[in-house]
Amino acid sequence: MASSKWPAVVEADLPHGWAVTTSGRVSGVHEAGDVFKEAPFNDRERLLMDNTLTDATRGTKVRFNVYIGDLGADAAAGVDALFPSTPEAARSVLIAVSPNEHVVEVRSGRDVADRVNDRVCQLGVTAALASLRQGELVDGLVSAVRVMAAAIGRPS
């Protein structure tokens, strides 16, 4: 795998009140009564995505990570560069979506490669595509995570 000199999230670049948690997730707060001006997802979508990631990770003992953003001109190379900087990369799955380029890439870490093989990754991409084509980003990601988690199953 390629290595990266830049992290997926630079904590110093986060707005006031935001931080990278010890688990690697980005958490943010706002003043009571203020409305998020630039939140890309509503509360229901954020809660659904968070619960889905948590359930899949607990059920499979494989860390699920999601990245939404530009992956560069060569999306495969972009996700290869991004993956090592994700939380617990060796025992995780990364589902990366570049919405503007209509690209979905999935990578799995070396410690879980036997359980999260190419077939499982392809199942995740296939599960996401129908919703993504309809512009339903969160629904597509939730479908991908759930299908992959079901295919991975519990550790033996």
N, C-alpha and C. Protein backbone atom coordinates (compact mmCIF):
# COMPACT_ATOMS: atom_id res chain seq x y z
N MET A 1 0.83 -1.18 0.00
CA MET A 1 0.00 0.00 0.00
C MET A 1 0.87 1.24 0.00
N ALA A 2 0.34 2.28 -0.55
CA ALA A 2 1.04 3.56 -0.57
C ALA A 2 0.95 4.20 0.80
N SER A 3 1.91 5.04 1.11
CA SER A 3 1.86 5.76 2.38
C SER A 3 1.49 7.20 2.11
N SER A 4 1.14 7.89 3.15
CA SER A 4 0.68 9.26 3.00
C SER A 4 1.42 10.16 3.96
N LYS A 5 1.67 11.40 3.55
CA LYS A 5 2.30 12.36 4.43
C LYS A 5 1.28 13.31 5.02
N TRP A 6 0.02 13.15 4.65
CA TRP A 6 -1.02 14.03 5.18
C TRP A 6 -2.10 13.19 5.82
N PRO A 7 -2.60 13.60 6.98
CA PRO A 7 -3.68 12.84 7.62
C PRO A 7 -5.02 13.14 6.96
N ALA A 8 -5.99 12.25 7.20
CA ALA A 8 -7.32 12.46 6.66
C ALA A 8 -7.94 13.72 7.25
N VAL A 9 -7.64 14.00 8.51
CA VAL A 9 -8.14 15.19 9.17
C VAL A 9 -6.97 15.85 9.90
N VAL A 10 -6.76 17.11 9.63
CA VAL A 10 -5.73 17.88 10.33
C VAL A 10 -6.43 18.61 11.46
N GLU A 11 -6.15 18.21 12.68
CA GLU A 11 -6.87 18.76 13.83
C GLU A 11 -6.72 20.27 13.93
N ALA A 12 -5.58 20.80 13.57
CA ALA A 12 -5.36 22.24 13.63
C ALA A 12 -6.28 23.01 12.68
N ASP A 13 -6.76 22.36 11.63
CA ASP A 13 -7.62 23.01 10.64
C ASP A 13 -9.11 22.93 11.00
N LEU A 14 -9.44 22.21 12.07
CA LEU A 14 -10.84 22.08 12.45
C LEU A 14 -11.34 23.38 13.05
N PRO A 15 -12.63 23.69 12.90
CA PRO A 15 -13.19 24.90 13.49
C PRO A 15 -13.18 24.84 15.01
N HIS A 16 -13.35 25.98 15.64
CA HIS A 16 -13.42 26.07 17.10
C HIS A 16 -14.53 25.15 17.60
N GLY A 17 -14.23 24.36 18.62
CA GLY A 17 -15.23 23.45 19.19
C GLY A 17 -15.22 22.06 18.59
N TRP A 18 -14.29 21.80 17.67
CA TRP A 18 -14.20 20.49 17.02
C TRP A 18 -12.88 19.84 17.40
N ALA A 19 -12.89 18.50 17.48
CA ALA A 19 -11.68 17.76 17.85
C ALA A 19 -11.73 16.36 17.25
N VAL A 20 -10.56 15.76 17.14
CA VAL A 20 -10.46 14.36 16.74
C VAL A 20 -10.45 13.56 18.03
N THR A 21 -11.40 12.64 18.20
CA THR A 21 -11.48 11.85 19.42
C THR A 21 -10.40 10.78 19.42
N THR A 22 -10.23 10.11 20.54
CA THR A 22 -9.22 9.05 20.63
C THR A 22 -9.53 7.89 19.70
N SER A 23 -10.80 7.73 19.33
CA SER A 23 -11.17 6.66 18.40
C SER A 23 -10.91 7.04 16.96
N GLY A 24 -10.59 8.32 16.72
CA GLY A 24 -10.32 8.78 15.37
C GLY A 24 -11.49 9.50 14.73
N ARG A 25 -12.62 9.52 15.39
CA ARG A 25 -13.78 10.23 14.84
C ARG A 25 -13.65 11.72 15.12
N VAL A 26 -14.26 12.51 14.26
CA VAL A 26 -14.28 13.95 14.44
C VAL A 26 -15.58 14.31 15.16
N SER A 27 -15.45 15.05 16.25
CA SER A 27 -16.60 15.43 17.04
C SER A 27 -16.65 16.95 17.12
N GLY A 28 -17.84 17.51 16.99
CA GLY A 28 -17.97 18.96 17.05
C GLY A 28 -19.14 19.40 17.88
N VAL A 29 -19.06 20.60 18.39
CA VAL A 29 -20.13 21.19 19.18
C VAL A 29 -20.45 22.56 18.61
N HIS A 30 -21.58 23.07 19.00
CA HIS A 30 -21.92 24.45 18.66
C HIS A 30 -22.64 25.06 19.84
N GLU A 31 -22.71 26.37 19.84
CA GLU A 31 -23.35 27.08 20.94
C GLU A 31 -24.84 26.75 20.95
N ALA A 32 -25.40 26.63 22.14
CA ALA A 32 -26.83 26.36 22.27
C ALA A 32 -27.63 27.41 21.52
N GLY A 33 -28.57 26.96 20.73
CA GLY A 33 -29.41 27.87 19.97
C GLY A 33 -28.87 28.18 18.58
N ASP A 34 -27.58 27.96 18.35
CA ASP A 34 -27.01 28.18 17.02
C ASP A 34 -27.38 27.03 16.10
N VAL A 35 -27.53 27.35 14.86
CA VAL A 35 -27.83 26.34 13.85
C VAL A 35 -26.54 26.09 13.07
N PHE A 36 -26.25 24.81 12.78
CA PHE A 36 -25.09 24.51 11.95
C PHE A 36 -25.30 25.16 10.60
N LYS A 37 -24.36 25.96 10.17
CA LYS A 37 -24.49 26.64 8.90
C LYS A 37 -24.04 25.78 7.73
N GLU A 38 -23.12 24.85 7.98
CA GLU A 38 -22.56 24.09 6.89
C GLU A 38 -22.63 22.59 7.10
N ALA A 39 -23.50 22.12 7.96
CA ALA A 39 -23.60 20.69 8.21
C ALA A 39 -24.12 19.99 6.95
N PRO A 40 -23.35 19.04 6.42
CA PRO A 40 -23.77 18.39 5.18
C PRO A 40 -24.89 17.37 5.37
N PHE A 41 -25.13 16.93 6.59
CA PHE A 41 -26.14 15.92 6.84
C PHE A 41 -27.02 16.36 8.00
N ASN A 42 -28.26 15.92 7.98
CA ASN A 42 -29.15 16.27 9.08
C ASN A 42 -28.89 15.34 10.27
N ASP A 43 -29.54 15.63 11.38
CA ASP A 43 -29.32 14.85 12.61
C ASP A 43 -29.66 13.37 12.40
N ARG A 44 -30.77 13.09 11.73
CA ARG A 44 -31.17 11.70 11.49
C ARG A 44 -30.10 10.96 10.71
N GLU A 45 -29.55 11.59 9.68
CA GLU A 45 -28.53 10.94 8.87
C GLU A 45 -27.25 10.69 9.66
N ARG A 46 -26.83 11.67 10.45
CA ARG A 46 -25.62 11.51 11.26
C ARG A 46 -25.80 10.41 12.30
N LEU A 47 -26.95 10.39 12.94
CA LEU A 47 -27.22 9.36 13.94
C LEU A 47 -27.29 7.97 13.30
N LEU A 48 -27.94 7.87 12.15
CA LEU A 48 -28.03 6.61 11.43
C LEU A 48 -26.65 6.11 11.04
N MET A 49 -25.81 6.98 10.51
CA MET A 49 -24.46 6.58 10.10
C MET A 49 -23.63 6.16 11.31
N ASP A 50 -23.71 6.93 12.38
CA ASP A 50 -22.95 6.60 13.59
C ASP A 50 -23.38 5.27 14.18
N ASN A 51 -24.68 5.04 14.28
CA ASN A 51 -25.18 3.77 14.82
C ASN A 51 -24.80 2.60 13.93
N THR A 52 -24.87 2.79 12.63
CA THR A 52 -24.51 1.72 11.70
C THR A 52 -23.04 1.35 11.82
N LEU A 53 -22.17 2.36 11.87
CA LEU A 53 -20.73 2.10 12.02
C LEU A 53 -20.43 1.40 13.35
N THR A 54 -21.07 1.87 14.41
CA THR A 54 -20.85 1.29 15.73
C THR A 54 -21.32 -0.17 15.77
N ASP A 55 -22.52 -0.43 15.27
CA ASP A 55 -23.06 -1.79 15.27
C ASP A 55 -22.20 -2.74 14.44
N ALA A 56 -21.76 -2.28 13.27
CA ALA A 56 -20.93 -3.13 12.40
C ALA A 56 -19.59 -3.43 13.05
N THR A 57 -18.99 -2.43 13.65
CA THR A 57 -17.70 -2.62 14.30
C THR A 57 -17.82 -3.56 15.50
N ARG A 58 -18.83 -3.38 16.30
CA ARG A 58 -19.04 -4.26 17.47
C ARG A 58 -19.35 -5.69 17.04
N GLY A 59 -20.17 -5.83 16.02
CA GLY A 59 -20.60 -7.15 15.59
C GLY A 59 -19.53 -7.97 14.90
N THR A 60 -18.62 -7.31 14.22
CA THR A 60 -17.60 -8.02 13.44
C THR A 60 -16.21 -7.97 14.05
N LYS A 61 -15.99 -7.03 14.96
CA LYS A 61 -14.66 -6.75 15.52
C LYS A 61 -13.71 -6.24 14.43
N VAL A 62 -14.29 -5.69 13.36
CA VAL A 62 -13.53 -5.03 12.30
C VAL A 62 -13.93 -3.56 12.38
N ARG A 63 -12.96 -2.67 12.42
CA ARG A 63 -13.24 -1.23 12.50
C ARG A 63 -13.74 -0.74 11.14
N PHE A 64 -14.90 -0.12 11.10
CA PHE A 64 -15.44 0.46 9.86
C PHE A 64 -15.19 1.95 9.86
N ASN A 65 -14.60 2.46 8.78
CA ASN A 65 -14.36 3.88 8.59
C ASN A 65 -14.99 4.31 7.27
N VAL A 66 -15.48 5.54 7.25
CA VAL A 66 -16.06 6.11 6.03
C VAL A 66 -15.37 7.43 5.75
N TYR A 67 -15.04 7.64 4.48
CA TYR A 67 -14.46 8.91 4.04
C TYR A 67 -15.32 9.43 2.90
N ILE A 68 -15.72 10.69 2.99
CA ILE A 68 -16.48 11.34 1.92
C ILE A 68 -15.70 12.57 1.52
N GLY A 69 -15.27 12.60 0.27
CA GLY A 69 -14.52 13.76 -0.20
C GLY A 69 -13.75 13.44 -1.46
N ASP A 70 -13.02 14.42 -1.92
CA ASP A 70 -12.24 14.29 -3.14
C ASP A 70 -11.10 13.30 -2.94
N LEU A 71 -10.97 12.37 -3.87
CA LEU A 71 -9.89 11.38 -3.81
C LEU A 71 -8.80 11.67 -4.84
N GLY A 72 -8.95 12.75 -5.58
CA GLY A 72 -7.94 13.13 -6.57
C GLY A 72 -8.25 12.56 -7.94
N ALA A 73 -7.38 12.87 -8.88
CA ALA A 73 -7.57 12.43 -10.28
C ALA A 73 -7.57 10.91 -10.40
N ASP A 74 -6.73 10.26 -9.63
CA ASP A 74 -6.68 8.80 -9.60
C ASP A 74 -7.26 8.35 -8.26
N ALA A 75 -8.55 8.05 -8.25
CA ALA A 75 -9.25 7.73 -7.00
C ALA A 75 -8.63 6.53 -6.28
N ALA A 76 -8.23 5.52 -7.03
CA ALA A 76 -7.62 4.33 -6.40
C ALA A 76 -6.34 4.71 -5.67
N ALA A 77 -5.51 5.51 -6.29
CA ALA A 77 -4.27 5.96 -5.65
C ALA A 77 -4.59 6.86 -4.46
N GLY A 78 -5.62 7.68 -4.60
CA GLY A 78 -6.01 8.57 -3.50
C GLY A 78 -6.44 7.81 -2.26
N VAL A 79 -7.24 6.77 -2.45
CA VAL A 79 -7.69 5.99 -1.30
C VAL A 79 -6.55 5.13 -0.74
N ASP A 80 -5.65 4.68 -1.62
CA ASP A 80 -4.47 3.94 -1.13
C ASP A 80 -3.60 4.83 -0.25
N ALA A 81 -3.51 6.10 -0.59
CA ALA A 81 -2.72 7.04 0.21
C ALA A 81 -3.45 7.41 1.51
N LEU A 82 -4.76 7.48 1.46
CA LEU A 82 -5.56 7.85 2.61
C LEU A 82 -5.66 6.73 3.64
N PHE A 83 -5.81 5.50 3.18
CA PHE A 83 -6.11 4.38 4.06
C PHE A 83 -5.15 4.21 5.24
N PRO A 84 -3.83 4.27 5.06
CA PRO A 84 -2.94 4.07 6.21
C PRO A 84 -3.13 5.09 7.34
N SER A 85 -3.70 6.24 7.05
CA SER A 85 -3.87 7.26 8.09
C SER A 85 -5.22 7.15 8.80
N THR A 86 -6.04 6.19 8.41
CA THR A 86 -7.34 6.03 9.08
C THR A 86 -7.16 5.29 10.41
N PRO A 87 -8.10 5.47 11.32
CA PRO A 87 -7.98 4.80 12.63
C PRO A 87 -7.93 3.28 12.50
N GLU A 88 -6.96 2.70 13.19
CA GLU A 88 -6.79 1.25 13.26
C GLU A 88 -6.76 0.60 11.87
N ALA A 89 -6.01 1.19 10.96
CA ALA A 89 -6.00 0.77 9.56
C ALA A 89 -5.76 -0.73 9.38
N ALA A 90 -4.89 -1.32 10.15
CA ALA A 90 -4.55 -2.74 9.97
C ALA A 90 -5.75 -3.66 10.21
N ARG A 91 -6.65 -3.25 11.08
CA ARG A 91 -7.82 -4.10 11.38
C ARG A 91 -9.13 -3.41 10.99
N SER A 92 -9.08 -2.66 9.89
CA SER A 92 -10.26 -1.90 9.52
C SER A 92 -10.64 -2.03 8.05
N VAL A 93 -11.79 -1.45 7.76
CA VAL A 93 -12.30 -1.31 6.40
C VAL A 93 -12.51 0.17 6.18
N LEU A 94 -12.14 0.66 5.01
CA LEU A 94 -12.41 2.04 4.64
C LEU A 94 -13.32 2.03 3.42
N ILE A 95 -14.46 2.68 3.54
CA ILE A 95 -15.35 2.90 2.40
C ILE A 95 -15.20 4.37 2.06
N ALA A 96 -14.62 4.65 0.89
CA ALA A 96 -14.36 6.02 0.47
C ALA A 96 -15.23 6.37 -0.71
N VAL A 97 -15.88 7.52 -0.62
CA VAL A 97 -16.76 7.98 -1.70
C VAL A 97 -16.30 9.37 -2.12
N SER A 98 -16.12 9.53 -3.42
CA SER A 98 -15.83 10.83 -4.00
C SER A 98 -17.08 11.23 -4.78
N PRO A 99 -18.02 11.95 -4.13
CA PRO A 99 -19.33 12.19 -4.73
C PRO A 99 -19.29 12.91 -6.08
N ASN A 100 -18.44 13.90 -6.20
CA ASN A 100 -18.40 14.66 -7.46
C ASN A 100 -17.88 13.84 -8.63
N GLU A 101 -17.03 12.87 -8.34
CA GLU A 101 -16.49 12.01 -9.39
C GLU A 101 -17.27 10.70 -9.54
N HIS A 102 -18.26 10.49 -8.68
CA HIS A 102 -19.09 9.28 -8.71
C HIS A 102 -18.23 8.02 -8.56
N VAL A 103 -17.37 8.03 -7.55
CA VAL A 103 -16.44 6.93 -7.32
C VAL A 103 -16.64 6.38 -5.91
N VAL A 104 -16.64 5.05 -5.80
CA VAL A 104 -16.66 4.37 -4.51
C VAL A 104 -15.47 3.41 -4.50
N GLU A 105 -14.66 3.49 -3.46
CA GLU A 105 -13.51 2.60 -3.29
C GLU A 105 -13.57 2.00 -1.89
N VAL A 106 -13.20 0.73 -1.77
CA VAL A 106 -13.17 0.06 -0.47
C VAL A 106 -11.81 -0.58 -0.28
N ARG A 107 -11.24 -0.43 0.91
CA ARG A 107 -9.96 -1.06 1.24
C ARG A 107 -10.11 -1.76 2.59
N SER A 108 -9.34 -2.84 2.77
CA SER A 108 -9.33 -3.53 4.06
C SER A 108 -7.89 -3.66 4.53
N GLY A 109 -7.73 -3.71 5.84
CA GLY A 109 -6.41 -3.80 6.44
C GLY A 109 -5.85 -5.21 6.44
N ARG A 110 -4.55 -5.29 6.62
CA ARG A 110 -3.86 -6.59 6.51
C ARG A 110 -4.31 -7.58 7.59
N ASP A 111 -4.69 -7.10 8.77
CA ASP A 111 -5.09 -8.02 9.84
C ASP A 111 -6.48 -8.63 9.63
N VAL A 112 -7.27 -8.04 8.74
CA VAL A 112 -8.62 -8.55 8.49
C VAL A 112 -8.83 -8.94 7.03
N ALA A 113 -7.76 -8.97 6.26
CA ALA A 113 -7.87 -9.24 4.82
C ALA A 113 -8.49 -10.60 4.51
N ASP A 114 -8.31 -11.57 5.40
CA ASP A 114 -8.91 -12.89 5.15
C ASP A 114 -10.43 -12.86 5.32
N ARG A 115 -10.93 -11.98 6.18
CA ARG A 115 -12.37 -11.86 6.40
C ARG A 115 -13.01 -10.80 5.51
N VAL A 116 -12.25 -9.76 5.21
CA VAL A 116 -12.75 -8.67 4.36
C VAL A 116 -12.00 -8.76 3.03
N ASN A 117 -12.37 -9.76 2.26
CA ASN A 117 -11.68 -10.02 1.00
C ASN A 117 -12.32 -9.22 -0.14
N ASP A 118 -11.83 -9.43 -1.35
CA ASP A 118 -12.34 -8.69 -2.52
C ASP A 118 -13.84 -8.90 -2.73
N ARG A 119 -14.33 -10.11 -2.47
CA ARG A 119 -15.76 -10.39 -2.64
C ARG A 119 -16.59 -9.55 -1.69
N VAL A 120 -16.18 -9.47 -0.44
CA VAL A 120 -16.91 -8.68 0.55
C VAL A 120 -16.86 -7.19 0.19
N CYS A 121 -15.71 -6.73 -0.25
CA CYS A 121 -15.58 -5.33 -0.65
C CYS A 121 -16.50 -5.02 -1.84
N GLN A 122 -16.55 -5.93 -2.80
CA GLN A 122 -17.42 -5.73 -3.96
C GLN A 122 -18.90 -5.73 -3.56
N LEU A 123 -19.26 -6.58 -2.60
CA LEU A 123 -20.63 -6.57 -2.08
C LEU A 123 -20.99 -5.20 -1.52
N GLY A 124 -20.05 -4.60 -0.79
CA GLY A 124 -20.28 -3.27 -0.23
C GLY A 124 -20.49 -2.22 -1.30
N VAL A 125 -19.66 -2.24 -2.33
CA VAL A 125 -19.80 -1.27 -3.42
C VAL A 125 -21.14 -1.46 -4.12
N THR A 126 -21.48 -2.70 -4.43
CA THR A 126 -22.74 -2.99 -5.11
C THR A 126 -23.93 -2.54 -4.28
N ALA A 127 -23.88 -2.76 -2.96
CA ALA A 127 -24.97 -2.36 -2.09
C ALA A 127 -25.15 -0.84 -2.06
N ALA A 128 -24.07 -0.12 -2.19
CA ALA A 128 -24.13 1.34 -2.12
C ALA A 128 -24.62 1.99 -3.40
N LEU A 129 -24.37 1.36 -4.53
CA LEU A 129 -24.58 2.02 -5.82
C LEU A 129 -26.01 2.49 -6.08
N ALA A 130 -27.01 1.69 -5.80
CA ALA A 130 -28.39 2.09 -6.11
C ALA A 130 -28.75 3.40 -5.40
N SER A 131 -28.47 3.48 -4.12
CA SER A 131 -28.78 4.70 -3.37
C SER A 131 -27.91 5.87 -3.83
N LEU A 132 -26.63 5.61 -4.06
CA LEU A 132 -25.74 6.68 -4.49
C LEU A 132 -26.19 7.26 -5.83
N ARG A 133 -26.64 6.42 -6.73
CA ARG A 133 -27.12 6.90 -8.04
C ARG A 133 -28.36 7.79 -7.90
N GLN A 134 -29.10 7.62 -6.82
CA GLN A 134 -30.29 8.44 -6.58
C GLN A 134 -29.95 9.66 -5.72
N GLY A 135 -28.66 9.86 -5.43
CA GLY A 135 -28.24 11.00 -4.64
C GLY A 135 -28.38 10.81 -3.15
N GLU A 136 -28.61 9.60 -2.71
CA GLU A 136 -28.78 9.30 -1.28
C GLU A 136 -27.46 8.76 -0.71
N LEU A 137 -26.57 9.68 -0.37
CA LEU A 137 -25.22 9.32 0.06
C LEU A 137 -25.22 8.50 1.34
N VAL A 138 -25.91 8.97 2.36
CA VAL A 138 -25.91 8.27 3.65
C VAL A 138 -26.57 6.91 3.52
N ASP A 139 -27.70 6.84 2.82
CA ASP A 139 -28.36 5.55 2.64
C ASP A 139 -27.46 4.56 1.92
N GLY A 140 -26.72 5.03 0.93
CA GLY A 140 -25.78 4.16 0.21
C GLY A 140 -24.68 3.64 1.11
N LEU A 141 -24.13 4.53 1.94
CA LEU A 141 -23.07 4.11 2.86
C LEU A 141 -23.60 3.15 3.92
N VAL A 142 -24.79 3.42 4.43
CA VAL A 142 -25.39 2.52 5.43
C VAL A 142 -25.61 1.14 4.81
N SER A 143 -26.11 1.10 3.59
CA SER A 143 -26.31 -0.19 2.92
C SER A 143 -25.00 -0.93 2.76
N ALA A 144 -23.95 -0.21 2.34
CA ALA A 144 -22.64 -0.84 2.15
C ALA A 144 -22.12 -1.43 3.46
N VAL A 145 -22.19 -0.66 4.52
CA VAL A 145 -21.68 -1.13 5.82
C VAL A 145 -22.47 -2.33 6.30
N ARG A 146 -23.78 -2.28 6.20
CA ARG A 146 -24.61 -3.38 6.70
C ARG A 146 -24.38 -4.67 5.90
N VAL A 147 -24.31 -4.56 4.59
CA VAL A 147 -24.08 -5.75 3.76
C VAL A 147 -22.69 -6.33 4.03
N MET A 148 -21.70 -5.48 4.14
CA MET A 148 -20.35 -5.97 4.42
C MET A 148 -20.28 -6.63 5.79
N ALA A 149 -20.91 -6.00 6.79
CA ALA A 149 -20.89 -6.57 8.14
C ALA A 149 -21.56 -7.94 8.16
N ALA A 150 -22.67 -8.07 7.44
CA ALA A 150 -23.35 -9.36 7.38
C ALA A 150 -22.47 -10.41 6.70
N ALA A 151 -21.76 -10.02 5.66
CA ALA A 151 -20.89 -10.95 4.94
C ALA A 151 -19.66 -11.32 5.77
N ILE A 152 -19.16 -10.38 6.55
CA ILE A 152 -17.98 -10.64 7.38
C ILE A 152 -18.36 -11.56 8.54
N GLY A 153 -19.47 -11.26 9.18
CA GLY A 153 -19.93 -12.07 10.30
C GLY A 153 -19.09 -11.86 11.56
N ARG A 154 -19.41 -12.64 12.55
CA ARG A 154 -18.69 -12.57 13.83
C ARG A 154 -17.36 -13.28 13.72
N PRO A 155 -16.37 -12.81 14.47
CA PRO A 155 -15.08 -13.52 14.45
C PRO A 155 -15.20 -14.89 15.10
N SER A 156 -14.41 -15.83 14.61
CA SER A 156 -14.47 -17.18 15.19
C SER A 156 -13.46 -17.37 16.29
